């Protein structure tokens, strides 16, 4: 990373080497976490989009269900694209769809026991990778880094 920053500092006189060093390192960490997450999901024969859909169902708490419209909104996608996802997850036995007892027009997608199991095993491994990485820092460094990242994220939220 230092070589990268040195090269570009010589090529772009206005480049702030500290900014470049921070941004490049954040990109490397993101790639590292993505690569390891994908490796974990491959062990469970899951794609990221499948896991993310199961994740959204799980995050709502028991009974781990949501309407397709709610899921589409949480995932930032169209209802049609979500229907395709639910079809695939239902075929794998990870999700089941059912009609609301009081309003048959309303449909719920619900995490099945198999879906909950594969999500729990996957998230456990993903969290282990994240914890192993972050625990390279001391407790006080972790607190400081979290605070600094919170400020940067807040700045992005202000600017849109």
N, C-alpha and C. Protein backbone atom coordinates (compact mmCIF):
# COMPACT_ATOMS: atom_id res chain seq x y z
N UNK A 1 0.82 -1.18 0.00
CA UNK A 1 0.00 0.00 0.00
C UNK A 1 0.87 1.26 0.00
N UNK A 2 1.93 1.21 0.78
CA UNK A 2 2.80 2.38 0.83
C UNK A 2 3.42 2.66 -0.53
N UNK A 3 3.81 1.60 -1.26
CA UNK A 3 4.36 1.79 -2.61
C UNK A 3 3.32 2.43 -3.52
N UNK A 4 2.08 1.95 -3.43
CA UNK A 4 0.99 2.52 -4.23
C UNK A 4 0.86 4.01 -3.95
N UNK A 5 0.83 4.37 -2.69
CA UNK A 5 0.68 5.78 -2.30
C UNK A 5 1.88 6.59 -2.79
N UNK A 6 3.08 6.04 -2.65
CA UNK A 6 4.28 6.75 -3.11
C UNK A 6 4.24 7.00 -4.62
N UNK A 7 3.85 5.98 -5.38
CA UNK A 7 3.80 6.11 -6.84
C UNK A 7 2.82 7.21 -7.23
N UNK A 8 1.62 7.16 -6.69
CA UNK A 8 0.60 8.12 -7.09
C UNK A 8 0.88 9.51 -6.52
N UNK A 9 1.56 9.59 -5.42
CA UNK A 9 1.93 10.91 -4.89
C UNK A 9 2.89 11.62 -5.84
N UNK A 10 3.76 10.84 -6.48
CA UNK A 10 4.68 11.41 -7.46
C UNK A 10 4.00 11.77 -8.77
N UNK A 11 2.94 11.06 -9.10
CA UNK A 11 2.23 11.30 -10.36
C UNK A 11 1.16 12.37 -10.25
N UNK A 12 0.58 12.50 -9.08
CA UNK A 12 -0.50 13.47 -8.86
C UNK A 12 -0.09 14.41 -7.73
N UNK A 13 0.52 15.53 -8.08
CA UNK A 13 1.06 16.43 -7.05
C UNK A 13 0.04 16.89 -6.00
N UNK A 14 -1.22 17.00 -6.35
CA UNK A 14 -2.22 17.46 -5.39
C UNK A 14 -2.77 16.36 -4.51
N UNK A 15 -2.31 15.14 -4.71
CA UNK A 15 -2.83 14.00 -3.95
C UNK A 15 -2.36 14.05 -2.50
N UNK A 16 -3.29 13.93 -1.59
CA UNK A 16 -2.97 13.86 -0.17
C UNK A 16 -2.64 12.40 0.14
N UNK A 17 -1.39 12.09 0.45
CA UNK A 17 -1.00 10.69 0.67
C UNK A 17 -1.74 10.02 1.84
N UNK A 18 -2.10 10.79 2.84
CA UNK A 18 -2.85 10.21 3.97
C UNK A 18 -4.24 9.79 3.51
N UNK A 19 -4.90 10.65 2.76
CA UNK A 19 -6.23 10.31 2.25
C UNK A 19 -6.15 9.07 1.37
N UNK A 20 -5.19 9.07 0.44
CA UNK A 20 -5.04 7.91 -0.45
C UNK A 20 -4.73 6.64 0.34
N UNK A 21 -3.88 6.74 1.33
CA UNK A 21 -3.54 5.58 2.14
C UNK A 21 -4.75 5.02 2.89
N UNK A 22 -5.56 5.92 3.42
CA UNK A 22 -6.76 5.48 4.15
C UNK A 22 -7.75 4.82 3.20
N UNK A 23 -8.03 5.48 2.08
CA UNK A 23 -9.02 4.96 1.14
C UNK A 23 -8.59 3.61 0.57
N UNK A 24 -7.34 3.49 0.18
CA UNK A 24 -6.85 2.23 -0.38
C UNK A 24 -6.92 1.11 0.66
N UNK A 25 -6.59 1.41 1.88
CA UNK A 25 -6.66 0.39 2.94
C UNK A 25 -8.11 -0.01 3.24
N UNK A 26 -9.03 0.95 3.22
CA UNK A 26 -10.44 0.60 3.39
C UNK A 26 -10.91 -0.32 2.26
N UNK A 27 -10.46 -0.04 1.04
CA UNK A 27 -10.83 -0.89 -0.10
C UNK A 27 -10.26 -2.30 0.06
N UNK A 28 -9.03 -2.40 0.52
CA UNK A 28 -8.41 -3.72 0.74
C UNK A 28 -9.18 -4.50 1.80
N UNK A 29 -9.55 -3.83 2.89
CA UNK A 29 -10.31 -4.50 3.95
C UNK A 29 -11.68 -4.95 3.45
N UNK A 30 -12.33 -4.12 2.65
CA UNK A 30 -13.63 -4.50 2.09
C UNK A 30 -13.50 -5.73 1.21
N UNK A 31 -12.50 -5.75 0.36
CA UNK A 31 -12.27 -6.92 -0.51
C UNK A 31 -11.97 -8.17 0.32
N UNK A 32 -11.18 -8.01 1.35
CA UNK A 32 -10.85 -9.13 2.24
C UNK A 32 -12.11 -9.72 2.85
N UNK A 33 -12.94 -8.85 3.43
CA UNK A 33 -14.17 -9.32 4.07
C UNK A 33 -15.14 -9.93 3.06
N UNK A 34 -15.27 -9.31 1.89
CA UNK A 34 -16.15 -9.87 0.85
C UNK A 34 -15.67 -11.24 0.40
N UNK A 35 -14.38 -11.36 0.19
CA UNK A 35 -13.80 -12.64 -0.27
C UNK A 35 -14.03 -13.74 0.76
N UNK A 36 -13.81 -13.43 2.02
CA UNK A 36 -14.01 -14.43 3.06
C UNK A 36 -15.48 -14.75 3.28
N UNK A 37 -16.34 -13.74 3.18
CA UNK A 37 -17.78 -13.98 3.27
C UNK A 37 -18.25 -14.91 2.15
N UNK A 38 -17.79 -14.63 0.94
CA UNK A 38 -18.17 -15.47 -0.19
C UNK A 38 -17.66 -16.90 -0.03
N UNK A 39 -16.47 -17.07 0.53
CA UNK A 39 -15.93 -18.41 0.77
C UNK A 39 -16.78 -19.15 1.79
N UNK A 40 -17.19 -18.46 2.84
CA UNK A 40 -18.06 -19.07 3.84
C UNK A 40 -19.38 -19.49 3.19
N UNK A 41 -19.97 -18.60 2.43
CA UNK A 41 -21.25 -18.91 1.80
C UNK A 41 -21.13 -20.06 0.81
N UNK A 42 -20.00 -20.16 0.13
CA UNK A 42 -19.78 -21.27 -0.81
C UNK A 42 -19.78 -22.61 -0.06
N UNK A 43 -19.27 -22.62 1.16
CA UNK A 43 -19.29 -23.84 1.97
C UNK A 43 -20.72 -24.32 2.20
N UNK A 44 -21.65 -23.38 2.27
CA UNK A 44 -23.05 -23.70 2.50
C UNK A 44 -23.86 -23.71 1.20
N UNK A 45 -23.14 -23.60 0.09
CA UNK A 45 -23.75 -23.58 -1.25
C UNK A 45 -24.79 -22.48 -1.37
N UNK A 46 -24.43 -21.31 -0.85
CA UNK A 46 -25.30 -20.13 -0.91
C UNK A 46 -24.63 -19.03 -1.71
N UNK A 47 -25.44 -18.29 -2.43
CA UNK A 47 -25.00 -17.06 -3.08
C UNK A 47 -25.26 -15.92 -2.11
N UNK A 48 -24.56 -14.80 -2.32
CA UNK A 48 -24.74 -13.65 -1.45
C UNK A 48 -26.20 -13.19 -1.42
N UNK A 49 -26.86 -13.14 -2.58
CA UNK A 49 -28.25 -12.67 -2.64
C UNK A 49 -29.18 -13.60 -1.87
N UNK A 50 -28.88 -14.90 -1.87
CA UNK A 50 -29.70 -15.83 -1.10
C UNK A 50 -29.54 -15.57 0.40
N UNK A 51 -28.29 -15.44 0.82
CA UNK A 51 -28.01 -15.19 2.22
C UNK A 51 -28.63 -13.88 2.67
N UNK A 52 -28.50 -12.85 1.86
CA UNK A 52 -29.03 -11.53 2.20
C UNK A 52 -30.55 -11.58 2.38
N UNK A 53 -31.23 -12.36 1.54
CA UNK A 53 -32.68 -12.49 1.66
C UNK A 53 -33.04 -13.22 2.95
N UNK A 54 -32.34 -14.31 3.25
CA UNK A 54 -32.56 -15.02 4.52
C UNK A 54 -32.27 -14.10 5.69
N UNK A 55 -31.22 -13.31 5.56
CA UNK A 55 -30.81 -12.37 6.60
C UNK A 55 -31.92 -11.36 6.91
N UNK A 56 -32.55 -10.84 5.87
CA UNK A 56 -33.63 -9.87 6.08
C UNK A 56 -34.83 -10.52 6.78
N UNK A 57 -35.12 -11.76 6.44
CA UNK A 57 -36.20 -12.46 7.13
C UNK A 57 -35.84 -12.68 8.60
N UNK A 58 -34.61 -13.05 8.86
CA UNK A 58 -34.17 -13.33 10.22
C UNK A 58 -34.13 -12.09 11.07
N UNK A 59 -33.77 -10.98 10.49
CA UNK A 59 -33.59 -9.76 11.29
C UNK A 59 -34.89 -9.24 11.86
N UNK A 60 -36.02 -9.63 11.29
CA UNK A 60 -37.30 -9.18 11.80
C UNK A 60 -37.73 -9.87 13.09
N UNK A 61 -36.98 -10.87 13.51
CA UNK A 61 -37.32 -11.61 14.72
C UNK A 61 -38.40 -12.65 14.45
N UNK A 62 -38.61 -13.51 15.43
CA UNK A 62 -39.60 -14.58 15.29
C UNK A 62 -40.96 -13.96 15.01
N UNK A 63 -41.71 -14.52 14.13
CA UNK A 63 -41.61 -15.82 13.46
C UNK A 63 -40.82 -15.79 12.15
N UNK A 64 -39.94 -14.79 11.96
CA UNK A 64 -39.06 -14.71 10.79
C UNK A 64 -39.84 -14.68 9.49
N UNK A 65 -40.73 -13.73 9.38
CA UNK A 65 -41.52 -13.62 8.16
C UNK A 65 -41.74 -12.16 7.81
N UNK A 66 -42.04 -11.94 6.55
CA UNK A 66 -42.32 -10.60 6.05
C UNK A 66 -43.11 -10.74 4.76
N UNK A 67 -43.77 -9.67 4.38
CA UNK A 67 -44.45 -9.70 3.08
C UNK A 67 -43.39 -9.49 2.00
N UNK A 68 -43.65 -9.96 0.80
CA UNK A 68 -42.70 -9.70 -0.29
C UNK A 68 -42.44 -8.21 -0.50
N UNK A 69 -43.47 -7.39 -0.32
CA UNK A 69 -43.27 -5.94 -0.45
C UNK A 69 -42.30 -5.39 0.58
N UNK A 70 -42.42 -5.86 1.83
CA UNK A 70 -41.49 -5.43 2.88
C UNK A 70 -40.07 -5.86 2.55
N UNK A 71 -39.93 -7.10 2.12
CA UNK A 71 -38.59 -7.60 1.78
C UNK A 71 -37.99 -6.83 0.61
N UNK A 72 -38.80 -6.59 -0.43
CA UNK A 72 -38.30 -5.85 -1.59
C UNK A 72 -37.79 -4.48 -1.17
N UNK A 73 -38.53 -3.82 -0.31
CA UNK A 73 -38.12 -2.49 0.16
C UNK A 73 -36.81 -2.58 0.95
N UNK A 74 -36.71 -3.54 1.87
CA UNK A 74 -35.49 -3.70 2.68
C UNK A 74 -34.28 -4.01 1.81
N UNK A 75 -34.48 -4.78 0.76
CA UNK A 75 -33.38 -5.19 -0.11
C UNK A 75 -33.14 -4.20 -1.25
N UNK A 76 -34.01 -3.20 -1.38
CA UNK A 76 -33.83 -2.18 -2.42
C UNK A 76 -34.00 -2.75 -3.82
N UNK A 77 -35.03 -3.56 -4.00
CA UNK A 77 -35.23 -4.18 -5.30
C UNK A 77 -36.70 -4.17 -5.67
N UNK A 78 -36.98 -4.54 -6.90
CA UNK A 78 -38.36 -4.58 -7.37
C UNK A 78 -39.06 -5.82 -6.83
N UNK A 79 -40.38 -5.75 -6.78
CA UNK A 79 -41.18 -6.89 -6.33
C UNK A 79 -40.99 -8.08 -7.27
N UNK A 80 -40.87 -7.82 -8.57
CA UNK A 80 -40.69 -8.91 -9.54
C UNK A 80 -39.36 -9.64 -9.31
N UNK A 81 -38.31 -8.89 -9.07
CA UNK A 81 -37.01 -9.51 -8.81
C UNK A 81 -37.05 -10.30 -7.50
N UNK A 82 -37.75 -9.77 -6.52
CA UNK A 82 -37.85 -10.49 -5.25
C UNK A 82 -38.64 -11.78 -5.42
N UNK A 83 -39.67 -11.77 -6.22
CA UNK A 83 -40.46 -12.98 -6.46
C UNK A 83 -39.56 -14.08 -6.99
N UNK A 84 -38.68 -13.74 -7.90
CA UNK A 84 -37.73 -14.71 -8.45
C UNK A 84 -36.82 -15.27 -7.35
N UNK A 85 -36.35 -14.41 -6.47
CA UNK A 85 -35.51 -14.85 -5.35
C UNK A 85 -36.28 -15.80 -4.44
N UNK A 86 -37.50 -15.42 -4.11
CA UNK A 86 -38.29 -16.27 -3.22
C UNK A 86 -38.60 -17.61 -3.86
N UNK A 87 -38.85 -17.62 -5.17
CA UNK A 87 -39.08 -18.89 -5.87
C UNK A 87 -37.87 -19.82 -5.68
N UNK A 88 -36.68 -19.27 -5.89
CA UNK A 88 -35.46 -20.07 -5.78
C UNK A 88 -35.25 -20.56 -4.34
N UNK A 89 -35.46 -19.69 -3.38
CA UNK A 89 -35.28 -20.08 -1.97
C UNK A 89 -36.34 -21.07 -1.52
N UNK A 90 -37.52 -20.95 -2.06
CA UNK A 90 -38.59 -21.89 -1.73
C UNK A 90 -38.26 -23.28 -2.29
N UNK A 91 -37.73 -23.32 -3.50
CA UNK A 91 -37.31 -24.61 -4.10
C UNK A 91 -36.24 -25.30 -3.26
N UNK A 92 -35.39 -24.52 -2.62
CA UNK A 92 -34.32 -25.07 -1.80
C UNK A 92 -34.80 -25.43 -0.39
N UNK A 93 -36.04 -25.07 -0.08
CA UNK A 93 -36.59 -25.40 1.24
C UNK A 93 -36.22 -24.42 2.33
N UNK A 94 -35.73 -23.23 1.97
CA UNK A 94 -35.29 -22.25 2.95
C UNK A 94 -36.38 -21.24 3.30
N UNK A 95 -37.37 -21.11 2.44
CA UNK A 95 -38.45 -20.14 2.62
C UNK A 95 -39.74 -20.82 2.20
N UNK A 96 -40.82 -20.46 2.88
CA UNK A 96 -42.13 -20.89 2.41
C UNK A 96 -43.04 -19.67 2.38
N UNK A 97 -43.93 -19.68 1.42
CA UNK A 97 -44.90 -18.59 1.31
C UNK A 97 -46.27 -19.10 1.70
N UNK A 98 -47.02 -18.22 2.35
CA UNK A 98 -48.38 -18.59 2.77
C UNK A 98 -49.26 -17.35 2.75
N UNK A 99 -50.55 -17.58 2.66
CA UNK A 99 -51.53 -16.50 2.68
C UNK A 99 -51.88 -16.17 4.12
N UNK A 100 -52.15 -14.90 4.36
CA UNK A 100 -52.62 -14.45 5.67
C UNK A 100 -54.00 -15.07 5.92
N UNK A 101 -54.21 -15.55 7.12
CA UNK A 101 -55.50 -16.18 7.46
C UNK A 101 -56.67 -15.21 7.37
N UNK A 102 -56.41 -13.95 7.73
CA UNK A 102 -57.49 -12.96 7.75
C UNK A 102 -57.69 -12.27 6.40
N UNK A 103 -56.65 -12.19 5.61
CA UNK A 103 -56.73 -11.51 4.31
C UNK A 103 -55.96 -12.35 3.30
N UNK A 104 -56.66 -13.18 2.57
CA UNK A 104 -56.04 -14.14 1.64
C UNK A 104 -55.24 -13.44 0.53
N UNK A 105 -55.46 -12.14 0.33
CA UNK A 105 -54.68 -11.42 -0.68
C UNK A 105 -53.26 -11.16 -0.21
N UNK A 106 -53.07 -11.17 1.09
CA UNK A 106 -51.76 -10.87 1.68
C UNK A 106 -50.94 -12.16 1.79
N UNK A 107 -49.71 -12.08 1.32
CA UNK A 107 -48.81 -13.24 1.33
C UNK A 107 -47.62 -12.93 2.24
N UNK A 108 -47.19 -13.96 2.97
CA UNK A 108 -45.99 -13.86 3.80
C UNK A 108 -44.94 -14.84 3.31
N UNK A 109 -43.69 -14.40 3.36
CA UNK A 109 -42.55 -15.29 3.17
C UNK A 109 -42.00 -15.56 4.56
N UNK A 110 -41.80 -16.83 4.87
CA UNK A 110 -41.35 -17.22 6.21
C UNK A 110 -40.11 -18.09 6.10
N UNK A 111 -39.16 -17.81 6.95
CA UNK A 111 -37.95 -18.62 7.04
C UNK A 111 -38.31 -20.00 7.58
N UNK A 112 -37.92 -21.06 6.89
CA UNK A 112 -38.17 -22.42 7.37
C UNK A 112 -37.09 -22.82 8.37
N UNK A 113 -37.29 -23.91 9.10
CA UNK A 113 -36.21 -24.38 9.98
C UNK A 113 -34.90 -24.62 9.22
N UNK A 114 -34.97 -25.15 8.00
CA UNK A 114 -33.75 -25.35 7.21
C UNK A 114 -33.11 -24.01 6.84
N UNK A 115 -33.94 -23.02 6.51
CA UNK A 115 -33.43 -21.70 6.18
C UNK A 115 -32.78 -21.03 7.37
N UNK A 116 -33.41 -21.16 8.53
CA UNK A 116 -32.86 -20.60 9.75
C UNK A 116 -31.53 -21.28 10.10
N UNK A 117 -31.47 -22.59 9.93
CA UNK A 117 -30.25 -23.34 10.24
C UNK A 117 -29.09 -22.90 9.35
N UNK A 118 -29.32 -22.83 8.05
CA UNK A 118 -28.23 -22.45 7.14
C UNK A 118 -27.81 -21.00 7.38
N UNK A 119 -28.77 -20.13 7.71
CA UNK A 119 -28.42 -18.74 8.02
C UNK A 119 -27.57 -18.69 9.29
N UNK A 120 -27.99 -19.41 10.34
CA UNK A 120 -27.25 -19.37 11.61
C UNK A 120 -25.83 -19.91 11.45
N UNK A 121 -25.68 -20.99 10.71
CA UNK A 121 -24.33 -21.53 10.50
C UNK A 121 -23.48 -20.56 9.68
N UNK A 122 -24.08 -19.97 8.65
CA UNK A 122 -23.35 -19.02 7.82
C UNK A 122 -22.96 -17.77 8.58
N UNK A 123 -23.89 -17.19 9.32
CA UNK A 123 -23.59 -15.96 10.04
C UNK A 123 -22.55 -16.21 11.13
N UNK A 124 -22.58 -17.39 11.73
CA UNK A 124 -21.58 -17.72 12.74
C UNK A 124 -20.17 -17.69 12.17
N UNK A 125 -20.01 -18.26 10.99
CA UNK A 125 -18.69 -18.27 10.34
C UNK A 125 -18.29 -16.88 9.87
N UNK A 126 -19.23 -16.12 9.33
CA UNK A 126 -18.94 -14.76 8.88
C UNK A 126 -18.51 -13.89 10.06
N UNK A 127 -19.22 -13.99 11.17
CA UNK A 127 -18.86 -13.22 12.36
C UNK A 127 -17.49 -13.61 12.89
N UNK A 128 -17.16 -14.89 12.81
CA UNK A 128 -15.84 -15.34 13.27
C UNK A 128 -14.74 -14.68 12.45
N UNK A 129 -14.90 -14.62 11.13
CA UNK A 129 -13.90 -13.97 10.26
C UNK A 129 -13.76 -12.49 10.64
N UNK A 130 -14.90 -11.82 10.82
CA UNK A 130 -14.86 -10.40 11.16
C UNK A 130 -14.20 -10.18 12.52
N UNK A 131 -14.55 -11.01 13.49
CA UNK A 131 -13.96 -10.86 14.83
C UNK A 131 -12.47 -11.14 14.81
N UNK A 132 -12.05 -12.17 14.08
CA UNK A 132 -10.62 -12.47 13.99
C UNK A 132 -9.84 -11.28 13.44
N UNK A 133 -10.40 -10.63 12.43
CA UNK A 133 -9.73 -9.47 11.85
C UNK A 133 -9.69 -8.31 12.84
N UNK A 134 -10.82 -7.94 13.38
CA UNK A 134 -10.89 -6.75 14.23
C UNK A 134 -10.15 -6.95 15.55
N UNK A 135 -10.07 -8.18 16.03
CA UNK A 135 -9.36 -8.42 17.28
C UNK A 135 -7.84 -8.36 17.12
N UNK A 136 -7.37 -8.05 15.91
CA UNK A 136 -5.95 -7.72 15.73
C UNK A 136 -5.64 -6.38 16.42
N UNK A 137 -6.67 -5.60 16.67
CA UNK A 137 -6.52 -4.30 17.33
C UNK A 137 -6.80 -4.45 18.83
N UNK A 138 -6.19 -3.59 19.61
CA UNK A 138 -6.49 -3.57 21.04
C UNK A 138 -7.92 -3.08 21.24
N UNK A 139 -8.44 -3.30 22.42
CA UNK A 139 -9.79 -2.86 22.74
C UNK A 139 -9.94 -1.36 22.55
N UNK A 140 -8.96 -0.60 23.03
CA UNK A 140 -9.06 0.86 22.90
C UNK A 140 -8.95 1.29 21.44
N UNK A 141 -8.14 0.60 20.64
CA UNK A 141 -8.05 0.92 19.21
C UNK A 141 -9.36 0.60 18.49
N UNK A 142 -10.02 -0.50 18.89
CA UNK A 142 -11.31 -0.85 18.29
C UNK A 142 -12.35 0.23 18.58
N UNK A 143 -12.35 0.72 19.81
CA UNK A 143 -13.30 1.78 20.19
C UNK A 143 -13.02 3.04 19.38
N UNK A 144 -11.77 3.39 19.26
CA UNK A 144 -11.38 4.61 18.51
C UNK A 144 -11.73 4.45 17.03
N UNK A 145 -11.41 3.30 16.45
CA UNK A 145 -11.71 3.08 15.03
C UNK A 145 -13.21 3.13 14.77
N UNK A 146 -13.98 2.52 15.64
CA UNK A 146 -15.44 2.56 15.47
C UNK A 146 -15.94 3.99 15.51
N UNK A 147 -15.42 4.79 16.41
CA UNK A 147 -15.83 6.18 16.52
C UNK A 147 -15.46 6.96 15.26
N UNK A 148 -14.26 6.76 14.77
CA UNK A 148 -13.82 7.46 13.56
C UNK A 148 -14.65 7.06 12.35
N UNK A 149 -14.91 5.78 12.21
CA UNK A 149 -15.72 5.30 11.09
C UNK A 149 -17.15 5.82 11.19
N UNK A 150 -17.67 5.90 12.40
CA UNK A 150 -19.02 6.44 12.60
C UNK A 150 -19.08 7.88 12.08
N UNK A 151 -18.04 8.68 12.38
CA UNK A 151 -18.01 10.06 11.91
C UNK A 151 -17.96 10.13 10.40
N UNK A 152 -17.17 9.26 9.78
CA UNK A 152 -17.09 9.26 8.31
C UNK A 152 -18.41 8.84 7.68
N UNK A 153 -19.04 7.84 8.23
CA UNK A 153 -20.33 7.39 7.70
C UNK A 153 -21.37 8.50 7.88
N UNK A 154 -21.36 9.18 9.01
CA UNK A 154 -22.30 10.28 9.24
C UNK A 154 -22.10 11.37 8.20
N UNK A 155 -20.85 11.64 7.84
CA UNK A 155 -20.56 12.67 6.82
C UNK A 155 -21.14 12.25 5.47
N UNK A 156 -21.08 10.96 5.14
CA UNK A 156 -21.65 10.50 3.86
C UNK A 156 -23.17 10.61 3.89
N UNK A 157 -23.77 10.39 5.04
CA UNK A 157 -25.23 10.48 5.15
C UNK A 157 -25.70 11.93 5.01
N UNK A 158 -24.91 12.88 5.49
CA UNK A 158 -25.26 14.29 5.36
C UNK A 158 -25.22 14.73 3.90
N UNK A 159 -24.21 14.25 3.19
CA UNK A 159 -24.02 14.71 1.81
C UNK A 159 -24.90 13.95 0.81
N UNK A 160 -25.54 12.88 1.29
CA UNK A 160 -26.43 12.11 0.40
C UNK A 160 -25.62 11.16 -0.38
